[in-house]
Amino acid sequence: MTRRLSVLLIAVGVAGLLGVMLLHVPASWWRVLASGWSVLLPATVSLALLLLGARLWWRTNQEGHQASAAPTPPDRQVRPLRAWVILVGAVVVAVVTGAAVLWLQNTLPAVGDQVQRARLRVDSIRTGLTIGAAVTGAFALLLAVRRQQLAERTQQATEYDAGEKRVTELYVKAADQLGADKAPVRLAGLYALERLAQDNPVHRQSIVEVICAYLRMPYTPPDDQPSPGTNNAPAAGETSTPHKPPVQATGTKDPDKPATEPREERQVRLAAQRILARHLRPEIENEDVNPAYWGPKIVLDLTEATLIDADFTKCHLYNADFSRATFSGGIWFGQATFSGDAWFNKATFSDDFWFGQATFSGRAWFDRATFNGHAWFGQATFSSDVWFGDTTFSCGAGFDRATFSGDAGFDRATFSGDARFDRATFNGDARFEGATLRGSRYEGPTNRERPRHR
């Protein structure tokens, strides 16, 4: 209602201005405007650009409202009307009426007999009272507009409360599904939370925190779970695959209550990881803008989480915390952007991982992390300080063409495999005090106190 009223008022105002211009602008101005293309063409183009810009603004505003189903909060709070406003309005009406009457009385022409002058005085008084009535009507109109605004705000607040109640109910129901024993129910809860976050941007951070909390729950991947792409067919000369005991279900001691099957739980966790990664990529294929992007200020807290085959390629991660997390399977952070700080201290990587071409805009901590597979940081960019103190690289570690703009600390790091720093650039201090490179211990100088961190 308010939007339609504003559009109507704008249209009336523009029409009025155009009418004034056509009727009261001197004809000489129009002759100057139409004197040649040097004046007419720029004026026409400027007016067309103005109208096009207004149209685009209106269309963008409409699309922005249609893209979100979140309830809209009231525009502004309507303050209660003060008692003195009514008194001031009455005084203004009285003053205007009295001034009009006095002015009309003083401007009466001194012609005619007494009867004619008396009639003129009566007419002037009547005119002054009419002016006072008009002023009173103007105040009444303002009060009516205020009453309409209050009614619209009340309706908007009612709809907002109803929408918030609906969102809360859906949120609670979806979160409750995550605690179900059956994997399909937990999957339904995850996708319900995803849809709720997509339609309600204001709740995205809290929903991401719920998904992260689910991934932080204790979980042990099944030992006989095949890796992606692994063929389970028997090898040459074998008649069948070796028999392995079935994985025992976990999560309950009550025989009458369904248990959580590790393989099913693995699929639920993979879905949760895919949901996070899908909405943290600013771009999709062909470098098109991702309409489902939730960033760039979504914070991930995956402390002590168990992540399986996590693929965060080209994701935008803000203040991401993976401290003491366990990464099982291949891990991909290639071309990812870490804005803010990034924590990987005490994290365990059980397989190969890739940070190739990743960008760390803030500080990065990998202290006491354990890399059981190959670690690849090729062409990674560390814009601030990075620490690999007491970190264990069980296999090869590649920092080829990596750029360290801040300090790089590898104090007491252990490189059991090849440590490659081909064409790496160190713009700050590079410390390897007490580091072990394939059995050779490096005792280098250090000129700066180790920073305190999480």
Protein backbone atom coordinates (compact mmCIF):
# COMPACT_ATOMS: atom_id res chain seq x y z
CA MET A 1 0.00 0.00 0.00
CA THR A 2 2.79 2.43 0.94
CA ARG A 3 4.73 1.60 -2.23
CA ARG A 4 1.69 2.21 -4.44
CA LEU A 5 0.98 5.51 -2.69
CA SER A 6 4.60 6.62 -3.18
CA VAL A 7 4.49 5.72 -6.88
CA LEU A 8 1.21 7.64 -7.28
CA LEU A 9 2.62 10.69 -5.55
CA ILE A 10 5.76 10.57 -7.73
CA ALA A 11 3.66 10.32 -10.88
CA VAL A 12 1.45 13.24 -9.84
CA GLY A 13 4.49 15.33 -8.92
CA VAL A 14 6.25 14.65 -12.22
CA ALA A 15 3.08 15.42 -14.17
CA GLY A 16 2.69 18.68 -12.27
CA LEU A 17 6.27 19.72 -12.96
CA LEU A 18 5.90 18.91 -16.63
CA GLY A 19 2.71 20.96 -16.78
CA VAL A 20 4.42 23.93 -15.15
CA MET A 21 7.32 23.63 -17.57
CA LEU A 22 5.04 23.51 -20.61
CA LEU A 23 2.83 26.38 -19.51
CA HIS A 24 5.16 28.79 -17.74
CA VAL A 25 8.63 28.23 -19.15
CA PRO A 26 9.43 31.06 -21.58
CA ALA A 27 9.10 30.18 -25.23
CA SER A 28 12.63 31.43 -25.85
CA TRP A 29 13.99 28.57 -23.71
CA TRP A 30 12.22 25.99 -25.85
CA ARG A 31 13.59 27.63 -28.98
CA VAL A 32 17.10 27.36 -27.56
CA LEU A 33 16.51 23.70 -26.69
CA ALA A 34 15.29 22.93 -30.22
CA SER A 35 17.89 25.12 -31.92
CA GLY A 36 20.18 22.25 -32.86
CA TRP A 37 21.23 18.65 -32.27
CA SER A 38 24.11 19.83 -30.08
CA VAL A 39 21.56 20.73 -27.41
CA LEU A 40 18.60 18.48 -28.20
CA LEU A 41 20.56 15.21 -28.46
CA PRO A 42 22.37 15.43 -25.09
CA ALA A 43 19.14 16.49 -23.40
CA THR A 44 17.24 13.57 -24.95
CA VAL A 45 19.97 11.05 -24.06
CA SER A 46 20.17 12.35 -20.48
CA LEU A 47 16.41 12.07 -20.03
CA ALA A 48 16.43 8.55 -21.51
CA LEU A 49 19.26 7.47 -19.19
CA LEU A 50 17.38 8.94 -16.23
CA LEU A 51 14.24 7.00 -17.07
CA LEU A 52 16.23 3.81 -17.74
CA GLY A 53 18.04 4.11 -14.42
CA ALA A 54 14.75 4.59 -12.57
CA ARG A 55 13.32 1.55 -14.35
CA LEU A 56 16.32 -0.61 -13.50
CA TRP A 57 16.21 0.50 -9.87
CA TRP A 58 12.55 -0.40 -9.65
CA ARG A 59 13.09 -3.78 -11.29
CA THR A 60 16.06 -4.63 -9.05
CA ASN A 61 14.09 -3.66 -5.99
CA GLN A 62 11.19 -5.84 -7.05
CA GLU A 63 13.45 -8.81 -7.78
CA GLY A 64 15.15 -8.42 -4.42
CA HIS A 65 11.81 -8.61 -2.65
CA GLN A 66 10.67 -11.58 -4.68
CA ALA A 67 13.92 -13.53 -4.14
CA SER A 68 13.40 -13.75 -0.40
CA ALA A 69 10.42 -15.19 1.38
CA ALA A 70 11.59 -13.88 4.73
CA PRO A 71 9.09 -11.83 6.72
CA THR A 72 9.67 -8.10 6.43
CA PRO A 73 10.00 -6.21 9.72
CA PRO A 74 8.08 -2.96 10.18
CA ASP A 75 9.71 -0.04 8.41
CA ARG A 76 9.87 2.25 11.42
CA GLN A 77 8.29 2.73 14.80
CA VAL A 78 5.30 5.09 14.91
CA ARG A 79 5.62 7.23 18.00
CA PRO A 80 2.50 8.06 20.01
CA LEU A 81 0.94 11.43 19.29
CA ARG A 82 1.72 13.99 21.96
CA ALA A 83 -1.11 15.86 23.66
CA TRP A 84 0.48 19.23 22.94
CA VAL A 85 0.20 18.56 19.19
CA ILE A 86 -3.60 18.85 19.39
CA LEU A 87 -3.27 22.05 21.40
CA VAL A 88 -0.78 23.52 18.94
CA GLY A 89 -3.09 22.55 16.05
CA ALA A 90 -6.03 24.32 17.67
CA VAL A 91 -3.93 27.42 18.30
CA VAL A 92 -2.68 27.41 14.69
CA VAL A 93 -6.24 27.13 13.38
CA ALA A 94 -7.39 30.00 15.63
CA VAL A 95 -4.45 32.22 14.68
CA VAL A 96 -4.85 31.57 10.96
CA THR A 97 -8.61 32.18 11.12
CA GLY A 98 -8.22 35.40 13.13
CA ALA A 99 -5.43 36.69 10.90
CA ALA A 100 -7.48 35.97 7.77
CA VAL A 101 -10.53 37.74 9.18
CA LEU A 102 -8.52 40.80 10.29
CA TRP A 103 -6.68 41.01 6.99
CA LEU A 104 -9.94 40.81 5.02
CA GLN A 105 -11.58 43.40 7.29
CA ASN A 106 -8.70 45.82 6.82
CA THR A 107 -8.70 45.46 3.05
CA LEU A 108 -12.39 46.24 2.58
CA PRO A 109 -12.97 49.10 0.09
CA ALA A 110 -14.55 52.24 1.58
CA VAL A 111 -17.35 52.49 -1.01
CA GLY A 112 -21.10 52.20 -0.92
CA ASP A 113 -23.50 52.82 1.89
CA GLN A 114 -23.47 51.25 5.34
CA VAL A 115 -25.57 48.25 4.27
CA GLN A 116 -23.13 47.33 1.50
CA ARG A 117 -20.12 47.74 3.80
CA ALA A 118 -21.86 45.57 6.42
CA ARG A 119 -22.44 42.87 3.83
CA LEU A 120 -18.79 43.02 2.80
CA ARG A 121 -17.74 42.65 6.44
CA VAL A 122 -20.00 39.62 6.82
CA ASP A 123 -18.60 38.10 3.61
CA SER A 124 -15.04 38.71 4.81
CA ILE A 125 -15.80 37.04 8.13
CA ARG A 126 -17.36 34.11 6.30
CA THR A 127 -14.30 33.85 4.05
CA GLY A 128 -11.95 33.94 7.05
CA LEU A 129 -13.92 31.17 8.74
CA THR A 130 -13.76 29.18 5.51
CA ILE A 131 -9.98 29.53 5.54
CA GLY A 132 -9.95 28.34 9.15
CA ALA A 133 -12.13 25.36 8.19
CA ALA A 134 -9.68 24.54 5.38
CA VAL A 135 -6.76 24.59 7.82
CA THR A 136 -8.77 22.37 10.17
CA GLY A 137 -9.42 19.98 7.29
CA ALA A 138 -5.70 19.89 6.53
CA PHE A 139 -4.96 18.88 10.12
CA ALA A 140 -7.71 16.28 9.96
CA LEU A 141 -6.18 14.92 6.75
CA LEU A 142 -2.78 14.64 8.43
CA LEU A 143 -4.36 12.75 11.33
CA ALA A 144 -6.11 10.44 8.85
CA VAL A 145 -2.80 9.77 7.07
CA ARG A 146 -1.19 9.02 10.42
CA ARG A 147 -4.04 6.68 11.32
CA GLN A 148 -3.60 4.89 7.99
CA GLN A 149 0.15 4.56 8.60
CA LEU A 150 -0.51 3.14 12.04
CA ALA A 151 -2.98 0.63 10.62
CA GLU A 152 -0.50 -0.43 7.92
CA ARG A 153 2.29 -0.81 10.44
CA THR A 154 0.05 -2.86 12.71
CA GLN A 155 -0.80 -5.14 9.81
CA GLN A 156 2.85 -5.37 8.84
CA ALA A 157 3.86 -6.19 12.41
CA THR A 158 1.18 -8.86 12.57
CA GLU A 159 2.40 -10.44 9.35
CA TYR A 160 6.00 -10.18 10.54
CA ASP A 161 5.18 -11.91 13.84
CA ALA A 162 3.29 -14.63 11.98
CA GLY A 163 6.19 -15.11 9.59
CA GLU A 164 8.73 -15.25 12.40
CA LYS A 165 6.57 -17.78 14.22
CA ARG A 166 6.36 -19.92 11.09
CA VAL A 167 10.13 -19.70 10.57
CA THR A 168 10.76 -20.65 14.20
CA GLU A 169 8.44 -23.64 13.96
CA LEU A 170 10.13 -24.86 10.78
CA TYR A 171 13.55 -24.28 12.33
CA VAL A 172 12.72 -26.23 15.47
CA LYS A 173 11.12 -29.06 13.49
CA ALA A 174 14.10 -29.35 11.12
CA ALA A 175 16.58 -29.26 14.01
CA ASP A 176 14.56 -31.93 15.79
CA GLN A 177 14.81 -34.13 12.70
CA LEU A 178 18.60 -34.04 12.97
CA GLY A 179 18.30 -36.02 16.19
CA ALA A 180 16.25 -38.81 14.59
CA ASP A 181 17.62 -42.35 14.45
CA LYS A 182 16.82 -42.89 10.78
CA ALA A 183 19.21 -41.43 8.22
CA PRO A 184 16.48 -40.33 5.74
CA VAL A 185 14.85 -38.27 8.48
CA ARG A 186 18.14 -36.58 9.29
CA LEU A 187 18.71 -35.87 5.60
CA ALA A 188 15.24 -34.33 5.36
CA GLY A 189 16.10 -32.11 8.33
CA LEU A 190 19.31 -30.91 6.65
CA TYR A 191 17.59 -30.04 3.39
CA ALA A 192 14.77 -28.33 5.28
CA LEU A 193 17.33 -26.16 7.05
CA GLU A 194 18.98 -25.40 3.71
CA ARG A 195 15.72 -24.26 2.18
CA LEU A 196 14.90 -22.21 5.27
CA ALA A 197 18.26 -20.45 5.11
CA GLN A 198 17.89 -19.78 1.38
CA ASP A 199 14.54 -18.05 1.92
CA ASN A 200 15.54 -16.22 5.12
CA PRO A 201 18.97 -14.55 4.84
CA VAL A 202 18.79 -13.22 8.39
CA HIS A 203 18.80 -16.79 9.76
CA ARG A 204 21.61 -18.17 7.60
CA GLN A 205 24.37 -17.84 10.17
CA SER A 206 22.36 -19.60 12.89
CA ILE A 207 21.44 -22.42 10.48
CA VAL A 208 25.08 -22.81 9.43
CA GLU A 209 25.97 -23.06 13.11
CA VAL A 210 23.43 -25.86 13.54
CA ILE A 211 24.91 -27.78 10.59
CA CYS A 212 28.43 -27.23 11.93
CA ALA A 213 27.32 -28.42 15.36
CA TYR A 214 25.98 -31.58 13.76
CA LEU A 215 29.34 -32.20 12.08
CA ARG A 216 31.07 -31.66 15.43
CA MET A 217 29.20 -34.57 16.96
CA PRO A 218 31.41 -37.61 17.67
CA TYR A 219 31.63 -39.97 14.74
CA THR A 220 33.97 -42.76 13.68
CA PRO A 221 33.99 -43.57 9.95
CA PRO A 222 33.60 -47.28 9.13
CA ASP A 223 36.89 -49.03 8.43
CA ASP A 224 35.53 -51.00 5.47
CA GLN A 225 34.04 -47.96 3.73
CA PRO A 226 35.45 -47.91 0.17
CA SER A 227 36.92 -44.72 -1.16
CA PRO A 228 35.10 -42.94 -3.98
CA GLY A 229 35.71 -44.67 -7.28
CA THR A 230 37.09 -47.84 -5.67
CA ASN A 231 36.12 -51.03 -7.42
CA ASN A 232 35.12 -53.82 -5.07
CA ALA A 233 35.51 -56.53 -7.69
CA PRO A 234 37.95 -59.35 -6.73
CA ALA A 235 41.46 -59.10 -8.08
CA ALA A 236 42.91 -61.53 -10.58
CA GLY A 237 43.26 -65.00 -9.11
CA GLU A 238 40.78 -64.34 -6.31
CA THR A 239 37.44 -66.03 -6.17
CA SER A 240 35.76 -63.52 -3.92
CA THR A 241 36.49 -60.53 -1.79
CA PRO A 242 37.66 -61.20 1.74
CA HIS A 243 34.86 -61.43 4.21
CA LYS A 244 34.78 -58.64 6.76
CA PRO A 245 32.67 -58.57 9.85
CA PRO A 246 29.70 -56.25 9.66
CA VAL A 247 30.09 -52.84 11.20
CA GLN A 248 28.26 -52.61 14.45
CA ALA A 249 25.66 -49.91 14.72
CA THR A 250 26.25 -47.23 17.30
CA GLY A 251 24.30 -44.63 19.09
CA THR A 252 21.99 -46.61 21.41
CA LYS A 253 21.99 -49.35 24.03
CA ASP A 254 18.26 -49.97 23.87
CA PRO A 255 17.55 -53.04 21.72
CA ASP A 256 14.04 -51.77 20.98
CA LYS A 257 15.32 -48.46 19.62
CA PRO A 258 16.80 -48.18 16.09
CA ALA A 259 20.54 -47.64 16.03
CA THR A 260 22.64 -45.26 13.94
CA GLU A 261 24.39 -47.14 11.14
CA PRO A 262 27.87 -45.70 10.38
CA ARG A 263 27.48 -46.01 6.60
CA GLU A 264 24.15 -44.19 6.68
CA GLU A 265 25.59 -41.55 8.98
CA ARG A 266 28.43 -41.09 6.50
CA GLN A 267 25.92 -40.17 3.78
CA VAL A 268 24.23 -37.67 6.11
CA ARG A 269 27.55 -36.02 6.90
CA LEU A 270 28.51 -35.88 3.24
CA ALA A 271 25.22 -34.14 2.53
CA ALA A 272 25.88 -31.62 5.33
CA GLN A 273 29.33 -30.88 3.90
CA ARG A 274 27.93 -30.46 0.39
CA ILE A 275 25.29 -28.03 1.69
CA LEU A 276 27.95 -25.86 3.32
CA ALA A 277 30.23 -25.93 0.29
CA ARG A 278 27.41 -25.29 -2.18
CA HIS A 279 26.44 -22.05 -0.45
CA LEU A 280 29.99 -20.82 0.21
CA ARG A 281 31.03 -20.63 -3.44
CA PRO A 282 30.59 -17.12 -4.87
CA GLU A 283 30.81 -18.50 -8.39
CA ILE A 284 29.64 -21.64 -10.13
CA GLU A 285 30.72 -23.18 -13.41
CA ASN A 286 31.85 -20.81 -16.18
CA GLU A 287 32.52 -18.19 -13.46
CA ASP A 288 28.86 -17.25 -13.27
CA VAL A 289 27.54 -15.69 -10.06
CA ASN A 290 26.15 -18.30 -7.70
CA PRO A 291 22.56 -17.30 -6.83
CA ALA A 292 22.70 -19.60 -3.78
CA TYR A 293 25.77 -17.89 -2.29
CA TRP A 294 25.33 -17.07 1.39
CA GLY A 295 28.59 -15.21 2.05
CA PRO A 296 30.79 -13.45 2.50
CA LYS A 297 30.48 -13.19 6.31
CA ILE A 298 29.36 -16.74 7.12
CA VAL A 299 31.54 -18.09 9.92
CA LEU A 300 32.37 -21.81 10.08
CA ASP A 301 33.11 -23.35 13.47
CA LEU A 302 34.11 -26.94 12.80
CA THR A 303 36.28 -27.42 15.86
CA GLU A 304 36.83 -31.14 16.56
CA ALA A 305 34.57 -32.02 13.61
CA THR A 306 34.99 -35.20 11.59
CA LEU A 307 34.98 -34.36 7.88
CA ILE A 308 34.96 -37.00 5.15
CA ASP A 309 36.14 -36.30 1.60
CA ALA A 310 35.48 -32.61 2.17
CA ASP A 311 35.49 -30.53 -1.01
CA PHE A 312 35.69 -26.79 -0.37
CA THR A 313 37.19 -25.92 -3.73
CA LYS A 314 36.73 -22.21 -4.64
CA CYS A 315 34.79 -21.59 -1.42
CA HIS A 316 34.92 -18.30 0.45
CA LEU A 317 35.60 -19.05 4.13
CA TYR A 318 35.43 -16.29 6.73
CA ASN A 319 37.13 -16.86 10.11
CA ALA A 320 37.00 -20.61 9.54
CA ASP A 321 37.96 -22.70 12.57
CA PHE A 322 39.05 -26.31 11.91
CA SER A 323 41.02 -26.71 15.13
CA ARG A 324 41.47 -30.35 16.22
CA ALA A 325 39.31 -31.45 13.29
CA THR A 326 39.78 -34.86 11.72
CA PHE A 327 39.89 -34.97 7.93
CA SER A 328 39.24 -38.45 6.56
CA GLY A 329 39.75 -39.16 2.88
CA GLY A 330 40.86 -36.68 0.25
CA ILE A 331 40.51 -33.01 1.23
CA TRP A 332 40.23 -30.21 -1.32
CA PHE A 333 40.66 -26.54 -0.53
CA GLY A 334 42.03 -25.62 -3.95
CA GLN A 335 41.50 -21.96 -4.97
CA ALA A 336 39.64 -21.35 -1.73
CA THR A 337 39.70 -17.90 -0.17
CA PHE A 338 40.16 -17.57 3.60
CA SER A 339 39.15 -14.05 4.60
CA GLY A 340 39.84 -13.27 8.19
CA ASP A 341 41.80 -15.83 10.20
CA ALA A 342 42.00 -19.57 9.60
CA TRP A 343 42.64 -22.17 12.28
CA PHE A 344 43.90 -25.69 11.51
CA ASN A 345 45.97 -26.19 14.65
CA LYS A 346 46.04 -29.78 15.97
CA ALA A 347 44.03 -30.92 12.94
CA THR A 348 44.61 -34.43 11.60
CA PHE A 349 44.68 -35.13 7.85
CA SER A 350 44.53 -38.87 7.26
CA ASP A 351 44.93 -38.70 3.47
CA ASP A 352 46.19 -36.37 0.76
CA PHE A 353 44.94 -32.83 0.77
CA TRP A 354 45.19 -29.86 -1.59
CA PHE A 355 45.48 -26.17 -0.78
CA GLY A 356 46.73 -25.33 -4.24
CA GLN A 357 46.17 -21.68 -5.24
CA ALA A 358 44.38 -21.03 -1.96
CA THR A 359 44.42 -17.48 -0.62
CA PHE A 360 44.81 -16.72 3.09
CA SER A 361 43.96 -13.06 3.60
CA GLY A 362 44.41 -13.20 7.37
CA ARG A 363 46.57 -15.19 9.72
CA ALA A 364 46.70 -18.97 9.42
CA TRP A 365 47.54 -21.50 12.10
CA PHE A 366 48.63 -25.08 11.34
CA ASP A 367 50.46 -25.61 14.63
CA ARG A 368 50.78 -29.25 15.77
CA ALA A 369 48.74 -30.44 12.81
CA THR A 370 49.37 -33.94 11.50
CA PHE A 371 49.49 -34.60 7.75
CA ASN A 372 49.52 -38.35 7.14
CA GLY A 373 49.15 -37.90 3.37
CA HIS A 374 50.74 -35.63 0.82
CA ALA A 375 50.34 -31.93 1.61
CA TRP A 376 50.10 -29.60 -1.37
CA PHE A 377 50.25 -25.83 -0.92
CA GLY A 378 51.42 -25.07 -4.44
CA GLN A 379 50.86 -21.44 -5.52
CA ALA A 380 49.09 -20.68 -2.26
CA THR A 381 49.15 -17.07 -1.09
CA PHE A 382 49.62 -16.21 2.59
CA SER A 383 48.97 -12.48 2.92
CA SER A 384 49.67 -12.47 6.64
CA ASP A 385 51.56 -14.61 9.14
CA VAL A 386 51.34 -18.40 8.99
CA TRP A 387 52.58 -20.93 11.52
CA PHE A 388 53.43 -24.61 11.02
CA GLY A 389 55.12 -25.04 14.38
CA ASP A 390 55.42 -28.65 15.65
CA THR A 391 53.59 -29.81 12.53
CA THR A 392 54.20 -33.33 11.24
CA PHE A 393 54.38 -33.98 7.49
CA SER A 394 54.48 -37.78 7.18
CA CYS A 395 54.62 -37.72 3.37
CA GLY A 396 55.68 -35.11 0.88
CA ALA A 397 54.97 -31.42 1.45
CA GLY A 398 54.85 -29.10 -1.53
CA PHE A 399 55.03 -25.31 -1.24
CA ASP A 400 56.09 -24.69 -4.83
CA ARG A 401 55.54 -21.08 -5.95
CA ALA A 402 53.80 -20.27 -2.69
CA THR A 403 53.92 -16.65 -1.55
CA PHE A 404 54.50 -15.79 2.12
CA SER A 405 53.88 -12.06 2.55
CA GLY A 406 54.11 -12.22 6.33
CA ASP A 407 56.19 -14.32 8.69
CA ALA A 408 56.33 -18.09 8.09
CA GLY A 409 57.11 -20.24 11.10
CA PHE A 410 58.12 -23.89 10.64
CA ASP A 411 59.73 -24.24 14.08
CA ARG A 412 60.19 -27.88 15.14
CA ALA A 413 58.22 -29.07 12.11
CA THR A 414 58.93 -32.62 10.95
CA PHE A 415 59.18 -33.37 7.22
CA SER A 416 59.42 -37.15 6.85
CA GLY A 417 59.01 -36.97 3.08
CA ASP A 418 60.16 -34.53 0.44
CA ALA A 419 59.81 -30.86 1.38
CA ARG A 420 59.63 -28.74 -1.74
CA PHE A 421 59.79 -24.94 -1.75
CA ASP A 422 60.64 -24.42 -5.43
CA ARG A 423 60.25 -20.75 -6.38
CA ALA A 424 58.52 -20.00 -3.10
CA THR A 425 58.62 -16.32 -2.11
CA PHE A 426 59.25 -15.27 1.50
CA ASN A 427 58.70 -11.55 2.01
CA GLY A 428 58.80 -11.85 5.80
CA ASP A 429 60.82 -13.93 8.23
CA ALA A 430 61.09 -17.66 7.46
CA ARG A 431 61.89 -19.62 10.63
CA PHE A 432 62.86 -23.32 10.64
CA GLU A 433 64.31 -23.51 14.14
CA GLY A 434 64.48 -27.15 15.26
CA ALA A 435 62.78 -28.39 12.08
CA THR A 436 63.56 -31.91 10.86
CA LEU A 437 64.02 -32.35 7.11
CA ARG A 438 64.19 -36.07 6.19
CA GLY A 439 66.31 -36.97 9.19
CA SER A 440 68.42 -33.81 9.19
CA ARG A 441 67.70 -31.44 12.04
CA TYR A 442 67.82 -27.74 11.17
CA GLU A 443 68.86 -25.32 13.92
CA GLY A 444 68.14 -21.85 12.56
CA PRO A 445 68.07 -18.49 14.28
CA THR A 446 64.88 -16.84 15.37
CA ASN A 447 64.54 -13.15 15.99
CA ARG A 448 60.95 -12.89 17.07
CA GLU A 449 58.85 -14.28 19.87
CA ARG A 450 56.32 -16.86 18.80
CA PRO A 451 52.81 -15.30 18.80
CA ARG A 452 50.12 -16.55 21.05
CA HIS A 453 47.14 -18.04 19.27
CA ARG A 454 44.23 -20.33 19.76
